[in-house]
Amino acid sequence: MVILTSQHNTGIADGFSGLGAALEALGKQGIQMIYTTVHQVLAQGNYVLAVSEGTFGGAPTSYYDLWRIENGKIAEHWDVMETIADKSTWQNQNGKILMSSESHATFLRDSLPLYTEVIMDYLNRKAESD
């Protein structure tokens, strides 16, 4: 079983039941939280950061999720969500999501589904063995 003991989003209660309740409440209001692109997954020690984008309530949104892993389980979660402004209003062309080059973006697009599958497979096996 994957356990989330501490949720640091002040609008969501601890545990996966808290996350489920928050998503259910959004759904009842007709608000969808959709992840469409995972740009980067970075890991160091027992921390994993995912940099993603999608939509929240129909608005283009950037997502930054940070997890702390303890004994092979998710122990803590932090997140930041921010609406991505319309490109016509940007004061520069750097964008919201850090990308060093088009080839880097292509590499991430092509390889992240595999890495995500490997991570999820590991977490599922770990949960079954516990």
Protein backbone atom coordinates (compact mmCIF):
# COMPACT_ATOMS: atom_id res chain seq x y z
CA MET A 1 0.00 0.00 0.00
CA VAL A 2 1.30 3.47 -0.92
CA ILE A 3 0.77 5.81 2.02
CA LEU A 4 0.58 9.60 1.91
CA THR A 5 1.02 10.73 5.49
CA SER A 6 1.47 14.48 4.98
CA GLN A 7 -0.23 16.60 2.33
CA HIS A 8 1.15 20.16 2.22
CA ASN A 9 -1.56 21.58 -0.04
CA THR A 10 -3.69 23.43 2.53
CA GLY A 11 -6.86 22.71 0.55
CA ILE A 12 -6.46 18.92 0.73
CA ALA A 13 -6.59 16.68 3.82
CA ASP A 14 -3.79 14.19 4.54
CA GLY A 15 -3.83 10.75 2.92
CA PHE A 16 -5.13 9.50 -0.40
CA SER A 17 -8.67 9.73 0.97
CA GLY A 18 -8.11 13.49 1.38
CA LEU A 19 -6.95 13.76 -2.22
CA GLY A 20 -9.93 11.71 -3.40
CA ALA A 21 -12.36 13.92 -1.46
CA ALA A 22 -10.80 17.09 -2.91
CA LEU A 23 -10.98 15.77 -6.49
CA GLU A 24 -14.57 14.62 -5.93
CA ALA A 25 -15.53 18.09 -4.65
CA LEU A 26 -13.97 19.69 -7.74
CA GLY A 27 -15.82 17.25 -9.99
CA LYS A 28 -19.15 18.11 -8.36
CA GLN A 29 -18.44 21.75 -9.24
CA GLY A 30 -17.66 20.79 -12.84
CA ILE A 31 -13.96 21.63 -12.41
CA GLN A 32 -11.50 19.26 -14.05
CA MET A 33 -7.80 19.04 -13.20
CA ILE A 34 -6.07 17.54 -16.23
CA TYR A 35 -2.38 16.78 -16.71
CA THR A 36 -1.57 16.70 -20.45
CA THR A 37 2.24 16.87 -20.59
CA VAL A 38 4.97 15.77 -18.21
CA HIS A 39 8.05 17.86 -19.05
CA GLN A 40 10.52 16.66 -16.44
CA VAL A 41 10.79 14.16 -13.61
CA LEU A 42 13.78 14.79 -11.39
CA ALA A 43 14.85 12.63 -8.47
CA GLN A 44 17.53 13.03 -5.85
CA GLY A 45 17.79 11.01 -2.67
CA ASN A 46 14.26 10.41 -1.46
CA TYR A 47 12.66 13.36 -3.31
CA VAL A 48 10.96 13.29 -6.72
CA LEU A 49 9.84 16.43 -8.60
CA ALA A 50 7.49 16.36 -11.59
CA VAL A 51 7.12 19.44 -13.81
CA SER A 52 3.94 19.17 -15.85
CA GLU A 53 1.26 21.18 -17.57
CA GLY A 54 -2.38 20.77 -18.42
CA THR A 55 -5.59 22.56 -17.53
CA PHE A 56 -7.41 23.43 -14.33
CA GLY A 57 -11.00 24.42 -14.84
CA GLY A 58 -10.24 24.79 -18.55
CA ALA A 59 -7.36 27.26 -18.03
CA PRO A 60 -3.82 26.34 -19.16
CA THR A 61 -1.92 25.49 -15.98
CA SER A 62 1.60 24.55 -14.91
CA TYR A 63 1.95 21.89 -12.21
CA TYR A 64 4.92 21.29 -9.95
CA ASP A 65 4.57 18.23 -7.69
CA LEU A 66 7.21 17.24 -5.14
CA TRP A 67 7.07 13.96 -3.25
CA ARG A 68 9.19 12.64 -0.40
CA ILE A 69 9.56 8.87 -0.43
CA GLU A 70 10.08 6.93 2.81
CA ASN A 71 10.54 3.14 2.92
CA GLY A 72 9.40 2.93 -0.71
CA LYS A 73 6.14 4.80 -0.01
CA ILE A 74 4.97 8.35 -0.64
CA ALA A 75 5.29 10.08 2.72
CA GLU A 76 4.77 13.75 1.79
CA HIS A 77 3.48 15.81 -1.12
CA TRP A 78 3.87 19.51 -1.97
CA ASP A 79 2.47 21.19 -5.06
CA VAL A 80 2.31 24.48 -6.88
CA MET A 81 -0.18 25.25 -9.65
CA GLU A 82 -0.16 28.43 -11.70
CA THR A 83 -2.19 29.57 -14.68
CA ILE A 84 -0.09 29.94 -17.82
CA ALA A 85 -0.72 33.37 -19.33
CA ASP A 86 -1.71 33.71 -22.97
CA LYS A 87 1.47 33.81 -25.06
CA SER A 88 0.45 37.17 -26.55
CA THR A 89 0.90 38.75 -23.09
CA TRP A 90 4.39 37.37 -22.41
CA GLN A 91 7.14 39.95 -21.86
CA ASN A 92 9.74 37.40 -23.06
CA GLN A 93 9.76 34.10 -24.96
CA ASN A 94 11.18 31.99 -22.10
CA GLY A 95 7.86 30.36 -21.22
CA LYS A 96 6.61 28.97 -17.93
CA ILE A 97 8.18 25.54 -18.20
CA LEU A 98 11.99 25.32 -18.17
CA MET A 99 13.26 23.83 -21.42
CA SER A 100 16.85 24.23 -22.54
CA SER A 101 16.29 23.29 -26.19
CA GLU A 102 13.83 21.73 -28.61
CA SER A 103 15.85 18.49 -28.63
CA HIS A 104 15.62 18.36 -24.84
CA ALA A 105 11.85 18.73 -25.08
CA THR A 106 11.68 15.96 -27.71
CA PHE A 107 13.80 13.66 -25.53
CA LEU A 108 11.56 14.26 -22.53
CA ARG A 109 8.37 13.76 -24.54
CA ASP A 110 9.61 10.46 -25.93
CA SER A 111 11.23 9.05 -22.78
CA LEU A 112 9.06 10.17 -19.86
CA PRO A 113 6.19 7.73 -20.50
CA LEU A 114 8.72 4.90 -20.15
CA TYR A 115 10.21 6.34 -16.96
CA THR A 116 6.73 6.93 -15.53
CA GLU A 117 5.78 3.33 -16.32
CA VAL A 118 8.94 2.04 -14.61
CA ILE A 119 8.32 4.17 -11.50
CA MET A 120 4.66 3.13 -11.28
CA ASP A 121 5.59 -0.54 -11.76
CA TYR A 122 8.12 -0.26 -8.91
CA LEU A 123 5.60 1.44 -6.60
CA ASN A 124 2.92 -1.15 -7.40
CA ARG A 125 5.29 -4.06 -6.75
CA LYS A 126 6.45 -2.45 -3.51
CA ALA A 127 2.84 -1.96 -2.39
CA GLU A 128 2.02 -5.60 -3.14
CA SER A 129 5.03 -6.88 -1.20
CA ASP A 130 4.13 -4.80 1.87
